[in-house]
Amino acid sequence: MAENVVETVAGGTGGAGTGDATGRLPAVLADEMTRELRRWRVATFNYGVTYYLSRILLIAASAIVAADQNLGGGKAASLIAWVPMLALVVAVLTAVDTWLKPQQKWRGFMESRDALADLMIQAGDGMAPREVREKFLELRKQHRERNVF
């Protein structure tokens, strides 16, 4: 859906559309909104992948570390040699996860991305360019306050 919104606001050519309601938006504003939407969409995907991969790795590694004394006689005995390294991985991933807060960033980027896509739809419905610009600047400011380190 976001891709269709981008094409509508930008006129499909990277500039303001011609002959429709979005033609009233300055090309620079439409291009900037399109660029920002693309950046937020990529960041949303990256934070989502980071969140899930880090959680999966933390769960698996911490389970092996916790079960190190019980692995001796089974098929997983070869993992015992990896326990010290996995303990370090768990500590580092926990610290990185706490520092990055990927779940919060992921949610924040999704909210910002969706709000910008909605603003682009409103712009296509004939919202005044000045009002679009003001709302876009406010949305960008809120996004930076909430989601950027």
C-alpha atoms as a PDB file:
ATOM      1  CA  MET A   1       0.000   0.000   0.000  1.00  0.00           C
ATOM      2  CA  ALA A   2       2.780   2.447   0.887  1.00  0.00           C
ATOM      3  CA  GLU A   3       4.320   1.989  -2.553  1.00  0.00           C
ATOM      4  CA  ASN A   4       1.049   3.044  -4.207  1.00  0.00           C
ATOM      5  CA  VAL A   5       0.833   6.094  -1.970  1.00  0.00           C
ATOM      6  CA  VAL A   6       4.344   7.123  -2.953  1.00  0.00           C
ATOM      7  CA  GLU A   7       3.515   6.909  -6.643  1.00  0.00           C
ATOM      8  CA  THR A   8       0.316   8.924  -6.179  1.00  0.00           C
ATOM      9  CA  VAL A   9       1.903  11.808  -4.284  1.00  0.00           C
ATOM     10  CA  ALA A  10       5.066  11.913  -6.317  1.00  0.00           C
ATOM     11  CA  GLY A  11       3.187  11.582  -9.581  1.00  0.00           C
ATOM     12  CA  GLY A  12       5.058   8.344 -10.302  1.00  0.00           C
ATOM     13  CA  THR A  13       8.037  10.272 -11.624  1.00  0.00           C
ATOM     14  CA  GLY A  14       9.753  11.563  -8.526  1.00  0.00           C
ATOM     15  CA  GLY A  15       8.126  14.982  -8.815  1.00  0.00           C
ATOM     16  CA  ALA A  16       4.714  16.474  -8.264  1.00  0.00           C
ATOM     17  CA  GLY A  17       1.943  14.967 -10.325  1.00  0.00           C
ATOM     18  CA  THR A  18       0.338  16.789 -13.197  1.00  0.00           C
ATOM     19  CA  GLY A  19      -3.346  17.443 -13.510  1.00  0.00           C
ATOM     20  CA  ASP A  20      -4.451  15.831 -10.236  1.00  0.00           C
ATOM     21  CA  ALA A  21      -4.851  17.054  -6.672  1.00  0.00           C
ATOM     22  CA  THR A  22      -1.224  16.251  -5.875  1.00  0.00           C
ATOM     23  CA  GLY A  23      -0.057  18.608  -8.600  1.00  0.00           C
ATOM     24  CA  ARG A  24      -0.453  21.407  -6.075  1.00  0.00           C
ATOM     25  CA  LEU A  25       2.356  19.996  -3.926  1.00  0.00           C
ATOM     26  CA  PRO A  26       5.773  21.396  -4.737  1.00  0.00           C
ATOM     27  CA  ALA A  27       7.960  18.716  -6.319  1.00  0.00           C
ATOM     28  CA  VAL A  28      10.601  19.192  -3.618  1.00  0.00           C
ATOM     29  CA  LEU A  29       8.079  18.487  -0.848  1.00  0.00           C
ATOM     30  CA  ALA A  30       6.629  15.436  -2.627  1.00  0.00           C
ATOM     31  CA  ASP A  31      10.145  14.088  -3.274  1.00  0.00           C
ATOM     32  CA  GLU A  32      11.186  14.644   0.349  1.00  0.00           C
ATOM     33  CA  MET A  33       8.085  12.917   1.676  1.00  0.00           C
ATOM     34  CA  THR A  34       8.668   9.996  -0.694  1.00  0.00           C
ATOM     35  CA  ARG A  35      12.318   9.747   0.355  1.00  0.00           C
ATOM     36  CA  GLU A  36      11.423   9.850   4.049  1.00  0.00           C
ATOM     37  CA  LEU A  37       8.733   7.197   3.622  1.00  0.00           C
ATOM     38  CA  ARG A  38      11.238   4.941   1.873  1.00  0.00           C
ATOM     39  CA  ARG A  39      13.803   5.451   4.672  1.00  0.00           C
ATOM     40  CA  TRP A  40      11.253   4.723   7.391  1.00  0.00           C
ATOM     41  CA  ARG A  41      10.003   1.641   5.546  1.00  0.00           C
ATOM     42  CA  VAL A  42      13.553   0.239   5.301  1.00  0.00           C
ATOM     43  CA  ALA A  43      14.293   1.077   8.940  1.00  0.00           C
ATOM     44  CA  THR A  44      11.034  -0.591  10.012  1.00  0.00           C
ATOM     45  CA  PHE A  45      12.080  -3.775   8.237  1.00  0.00           C
ATOM     46  CA  ASN A  46      15.620  -3.633   9.658  1.00  0.00           C
ATOM     47  CA  TYR A  47      14.490  -3.114  13.246  1.00  0.00           C
ATOM     48  CA  GLY A  48      11.914  -5.904  12.882  1.00  0.00           C
ATOM     49  CA  VAL A  49      14.545  -8.337  11.607  1.00  0.00           C
ATOM     50  CA  THR A  50      17.005  -7.233  14.301  1.00  0.00           C
ATOM     51  CA  TYR A  51      14.402  -7.666  17.021  1.00  0.00           C
ATOM     52  CA  TYR A  52      13.325 -11.168  16.017  1.00  0.00           C
ATOM     53  CA  LEU A  53      16.802 -12.470  15.221  1.00  0.00           C
ATOM     54  CA  SER A  54      18.254 -11.161  18.464  1.00  0.00           C
ATOM     55  CA  ARG A  55      15.390 -12.676  20.457  1.00  0.00           C
ATOM     56  CA  ILE A  56      15.730 -16.048  18.768  1.00  0.00           C
ATOM     57  CA  LEU A  57      19.501 -16.084  19.286  1.00  0.00           C
ATOM     58  CA  LEU A  58      19.123 -15.016  22.922  1.00  0.00           C
ATOM     59  CA  ILE A  59      16.590 -17.737  23.640  1.00  0.00           C
ATOM     60  CA  ALA A  60      18.606 -20.480  21.943  1.00  0.00           C
ATOM     61  CA  ALA A  61      21.971 -19.449  23.380  1.00  0.00           C
ATOM     62  CA  SER A  62      20.692 -18.901  26.910  1.00  0.00           C
ATOM     63  CA  ALA A  63      18.919 -22.284  26.845  1.00  0.00           C
ATOM     64  CA  ILE A  64      22.168 -24.034  25.909  1.00  0.00           C
ATOM     65  CA  VAL A  65      24.096 -22.110  28.572  1.00  0.00           C
ATOM     66  CA  ALA A  66      21.476 -22.944  31.202  1.00  0.00           C
ATOM     67  CA  ALA A  67      21.476 -26.638  30.275  1.00  0.00           C
ATOM     68  CA  ASP A  68      25.263 -27.090  30.076  1.00  0.00           C
ATOM     69  CA  GLN A  69      25.407 -29.575  32.973  1.00  0.00           C
ATOM     70  CA  ASN A  70      22.653 -31.703  31.454  1.00  0.00           C
ATOM     71  CA  LEU A  71      24.129 -31.958  27.950  1.00  0.00           C
ATOM     72  CA  GLY A  72      26.937 -34.381  28.832  1.00  0.00           C
ATOM     73  CA  GLY A  73      25.322 -37.715  28.034  1.00  0.00           C
ATOM     74  CA  GLY A  74      23.094 -36.860  25.066  1.00  0.00           C
ATOM     75  CA  LYS A  75      23.374 -36.033  21.386  1.00  0.00           C
ATOM     76  CA  ALA A  76      24.098 -32.402  22.187  1.00  0.00           C
ATOM     77  CA  ALA A  77      27.304 -33.156  24.142  1.00  0.00           C
ATOM     78  CA  SER A  78      29.345 -31.325  21.506  1.00  0.00           C
ATOM     79  CA  LEU A  79      27.663 -28.065  22.560  1.00  0.00           C
ATOM     80  CA  ILE A  80      29.380 -28.171  25.966  1.00  0.00           C
ATOM     81  CA  ALA A  81      32.574 -26.825  24.416  1.00  0.00           C
ATOM     82  CA  TRP A  82      30.607 -23.824  23.130  1.00  0.00           C
ATOM     83  CA  VAL A  83      29.031 -22.882  26.482  1.00  0.00           C
ATOM     84  CA  PRO A  84      31.622 -20.217  27.471  1.00  0.00           C
ATOM     85  CA  MET A  85      31.360 -18.565  24.041  1.00  0.00           C
ATOM     86  CA  LEU A  86      27.557 -18.738  24.104  1.00  0.00           C
ATOM     87  CA  ALA A  87      27.520 -17.177  27.575  1.00  0.00           C
ATOM     88  CA  LEU A  88      29.500 -14.259  26.165  1.00  0.00           C
ATOM     89  CA  VAL A  89      27.120 -14.025  23.184  1.00  0.00           C
ATOM     90  CA  VAL A  90      24.145 -13.907  25.565  1.00  0.00           C
ATOM     91  CA  ALA A  91      25.740 -11.111  27.595  1.00  0.00           C
ATOM     92  CA  VAL A  92      26.653  -9.073  24.510  1.00  0.00           C
ATOM     93  CA  LEU A  93      23.273  -9.564  22.798  1.00  0.00           C
ATOM     94  CA  THR A  94      21.458  -8.608  25.985  1.00  0.00           C
ATOM     95  CA  ALA A  95      23.504  -5.412  26.235  1.00  0.00           C
ATOM     96  CA  VAL A  96      22.961  -4.553  22.557  1.00  0.00           C
ATOM     97  CA  ASP A  97      19.245  -5.305  22.824  1.00  0.00           C
ATOM     98  CA  THR A  98      18.952  -3.072  25.871  1.00  0.00           C
ATOM     99  CA  TRP A  99      20.878  -0.279  24.162  1.00  0.00           C
ATOM    100  CA  LEU A 100      19.168  -0.438  20.747  1.00  0.00           C
ATOM    101  CA  LYS A 101      15.652  -1.203  22.008  1.00  0.00           C
ATOM    102  CA  PRO A 102      14.765  -2.758  18.635  1.00  0.00           C
ATOM    103  CA  GLN A 103      11.180  -3.591  19.605  1.00  0.00           C
ATOM    104  CA  GLN A 104      10.431   0.007  20.606  1.00  0.00           C
ATOM    105  CA  LYS A 105      12.238   1.364  17.537  1.00  0.00           C
ATOM    106  CA  TRP A 106      10.382  -1.079  15.297  1.00  0.00           C
ATOM    107  CA  ARG A 107       7.012   0.028  16.659  1.00  0.00           C
ATOM    108  CA  GLY A 108       7.999   3.686  16.462  1.00  0.00           C
ATOM    109  CA  PHE A 109       9.131   3.409  12.855  1.00  0.00           C
ATOM    110  CA  MET A 110       5.906   1.563  11.948  1.00  0.00           C
ATOM    111  CA  GLU A 111       3.810   4.314  13.544  1.00  0.00           C
ATOM    112  CA  SER A 112       5.793   7.062  11.802  1.00  0.00           C
ATOM    113  CA  ARG A 113       5.696   5.241   8.464  1.00  0.00           C
ATOM    114  CA  ASP A 114       1.940   4.758   8.685  1.00  0.00           C
ATOM    115  CA  ALA A 115       1.334   8.365   9.744  1.00  0.00           C
ATOM    116  CA  LEU A 116       3.410   9.622   6.808  1.00  0.00           C
ATOM    117  CA  ALA A 117       1.575   7.334   4.390  1.00  0.00           C
ATOM    118  CA  ASP A 118      -1.713   8.735   5.720  1.00  0.00           C
ATOM    119  CA  LEU A 119      -0.436  12.295   5.292  1.00  0.00           C
ATOM    120  CA  MET A 120       0.483  11.478   1.699  1.00  0.00           C
ATOM    121  CA  ILE A 121      -3.057  10.192   1.112  1.00  0.00           C
ATOM    122  CA  GLN A 122      -4.468  13.399   2.608  1.00  0.00           C
ATOM    123  CA  ALA A 123      -2.160  15.404   0.338  1.00  0.00           C
ATOM    124  CA  GLY A 124      -3.525  13.475  -2.638  1.00  0.00           C
ATOM    125  CA  ASP A 125      -7.061  14.331  -1.524  1.00  0.00           C
ATOM    126  CA  GLY A 126      -6.330  18.032  -1.883  1.00  0.00           C
ATOM    127  CA  MET A 127      -4.859  19.202   1.428  1.00  0.00           C
ATOM    128  CA  ALA A 128      -3.162  22.577   1.074  1.00  0.00           C
ATOM    129  CA  PRO A 129       0.596  22.343   0.412  1.00  0.00           C
ATOM    130  CA  ARG A 130       1.384  24.632   3.346  1.00  0.00           C
ATOM    131  CA  GLU A 131      -0.632  22.409   5.703  1.00  0.00           C
ATOM    132  CA  VAL A 132       1.027  19.279   4.289  1.00  0.00           C
ATOM    133  CA  ARG A 133       4.450  20.809   4.870  1.00  0.00           C
ATOM    134  CA  GLU A 134       3.609  21.816   8.457  1.00  0.00           C
ATOM    135  CA  LYS A 135       2.241  18.377   9.294  1.00  0.00           C
ATOM    136  CA  PHE A 136       5.220  16.698   7.626  1.00  0.00           C
ATOM    137  CA  LEU A 137       7.686  18.789   9.644  1.00  0.00           C
ATOM    138  CA  GLU A 138       5.797  18.010  12.866  1.00  0.00           C
ATOM    139  CA  LEU A 139       5.700  14.297  12.027  1.00  0.00           C
ATOM    140  CA  ARG A 140       9.437  14.276  11.300  1.00  0.00           C
ATOM    141  CA  LYS A 141      10.152  16.122  14.563  1.00  0.00           C
ATOM    142  CA  GLN A 142       8.046  13.650  16.579  1.00  0.00           C
ATOM    143  CA  HIS A 143       9.713  10.726  14.829  1.00  0.00           C
ATOM    144  CA  ARG A 144      13.185  11.957  15.702  1.00  0.00           C
ATOM    145  CA  GLU A 145      12.264  12.648  19.324  1.00  0.00           C
ATOM    146  CA  ARG A 146      10.775   9.182  19.828  1.00  0.00           C
ATOM    147  CA  ASN A 147      12.796   6.883  17.584  1.00  0.00           C
ATOM    148  CA  VAL A 148      16.276   8.266  17.035  1.00  0.00           C
ATOM    149  CA  PHE A 149      18.912   7.681  19.709  1.00  0.00           C
END
